[in-house]
Structures are given as structure tokens and as C-alpha cells.
Amino acid sequence: MDGGGRFPEPLTDAGYAGGEAGTPAPQTGTAPAWGAPSRDPRLSGAILARVLPRFLRPRRASVAVPIERRMPRHLGMGLAFGFFGLVAVAGFVSGGGYAEISARYGTPFDMAARRLGFGLDKVTITGLVQLRSAEILKAAGLDQRNSLPFLSVVDVRDRLSTVPLIGAVSVRKIYPRELLITLTEREPSALWQRNGEIAVIAADGTVIDQMRDGRFSDLPLVVGEEANLRTKDYLALLEAAGPLRDRIRAGTLVSGRRWTLKLDGIDVRLPEAGAREAVARLVKLEAESSLLEKDIIAVDLRLPDRVVVRLTEEGAAARLEAQKKSKKPKGTET
């Protein structure tokens, strides 16, 4: 080693001074000088890794793993079964099988919920007056196919809100198997006949239902265009009729101005103004002379100072015969 810490000759495989060729130099406790070649390849690699930039460092050799070893086992079989399963499900749905099963037993979710004890076993309905429970269940679309967890209370409420006779409705779930429906019905006031159809109307004239059966047959009946908007006036005439009220079958609004009452085959024509007073006159005439028991088909009360009646054909013939008899001289045979 010279004074600068360098060996005058490089150490090679030829050996070292005082040793045989191919014999490595003995290890000493002194570290090799900077820039001197190292006999240990690991030490040289560490020095290179520390000194050289990262992109110039030698890369480790990688061993390629076959793709069949990197893929999960039985992946191909699983994909094949999944593909054929999707094809089968698509065919089942497109062929109508799913729709038929859903229509008969409900959706798969509903069937699973019922098996777990969450079926729709009880429906409690409060507030019924004119409507029936069966009508409510049908309008709400509720039956044994439903399950409580997958039942939408919003959809049930919206469907019931379309029923004209229902004014307000609320729906609430009571787990595990009950549904509570609370509703308020619109109050029917009268029946309205127009163009041959009869509808149930509220006090303000709003149509709330169609006449489907005899439940509303006892309600007062108004007939004609815009008669539904004059229901209050007609009800006031019924109140003024007193003992004759039960004999009044309907009230027809004529030209949107005046009423004609229908009493057991007799038409009572009322004036446009003072209709209640005219009804009171009719009640008095009936009490004094039993006017409505005679052979008449119409009573005209539109004139305030007189009553005009129209006889039936039989009544007119009898009256004519009576007049003929009264005009014959005495002693003449008939």
C-alpha cells in the first residue's frame, strides 16, 4: 500500500503476495478503500444501490408465473354456470313465467318475507260510513300476496286517494303482520241526474261517486244541468214542504232558473222568485181541499194570485161529461 492508501497492484484471481494462485486474500479488520474493488458481490451491490440513481440500478430478475396458476380454481366452470343461469332466468322472465308466479303468489321478496312471519294477515279500517271493507281492499290493491316489509304505504295511500268518496286517508304499518287504514269519507248530500246517469254529490255540488247500488237511494234527487250547484236551494224547498216532503221524488231545474217538483206523477211548477212561499201555498191547498188527490197531472203555482191545474185524460173526460150534464134542460132524458 502506498502513502495514499492504494495498493500498487490490483488484487486479482492470481492471488496475493505470499500466497498461491486462486487463494483469496485473507480478511482483515480494515475496510477496503474508496474506489477499491470488493471481493464480496453483496457489498458491491449495496454500494451501487446507494450511489447510483434509482433508474440506473440493476433490476431484479422476475420469474413469470403461468396464467393458469394466477387464476382461481374452477373459475371457468363458475362463469359457464353463471352464463347459463342468466340465460335461463331471462327466458323465464320473457316467457311470462315470472309474471304468472308473481300474480299468483307475489314477488319473491314478498314470498320470502311471508315465510319469515311478516305476511299481511290483518287490515284494520276505521272511518267507514258508506264504503265497505271489500271496496277499500280492492281499491288499495291489498290481498294475501302482500308482505308488510315490502308494502309501500305511500302507494296504498295514493290509490285510496283516487276513490271519490274518500276525503282523507292515512296508512300505517304495525309489525309484524297488521296494516292500519284510517279514512274520512266525504258526506253525500244529494243525487244528481244528468244525461241519464246518476252521481252522488256533496253539499257544494262536487261529484264524489257514481250511483252503483241502493246505498244512496234515500238521498234527495236533483235533475238537469247545473242542478248540482243549486242543491241547497232544493233542500230548502223540501224543508218548506213539511208533510209533503216524503211525496216529493225529485226536483228538476228548468233553464237554470226555476224548479219543478215531481210528486207521485204530478208536476208542481214553482216560480223563479218566491219558490218557498209557493210550496207553502201547495201545503195549504192540500190540507184544505186534498188537491193532490184529484185527477190532475200538473199544478202551476207560478202566478201568485191563482192556481192552474192540468187534469189527466180521465179527469178531463169526466169533467167534460159533467159540464155537458149541467148544460142540459131539466126533464131531458140522457
Foldseek 3Di string as FASTA:
>chain_A
DDPVLDDPDADDQQEDPPDHRNDHDDDDPDDHDPPHDDPDVVVVLVVCVVPPDPVPRDDDDDDDDDPVVVDDPCPVVVVVVVVVVVVVVVCCVVVCVQVVCCVVQNHPVLVVLVVVPFWQPEEAEPADDLDDPVVLCVQLVDDRNGGQVPDDQVSSQVSVCPQLQWDHKGWDDDPRHYIYIYTHGADFAAWEDDPRFIFTAHQQLHGRGGCDDCSCQPHAYEYDPPVSNVSVVVVLLLVLLVVQNVQWRYWYQDPVAFIWTDGPQATEGAASPPRSVLSNVVSVCCVPPVVVVAQFRYWYCRDPPDIDTHGDPVRVVVVVVVVVVVPDDPPDDD
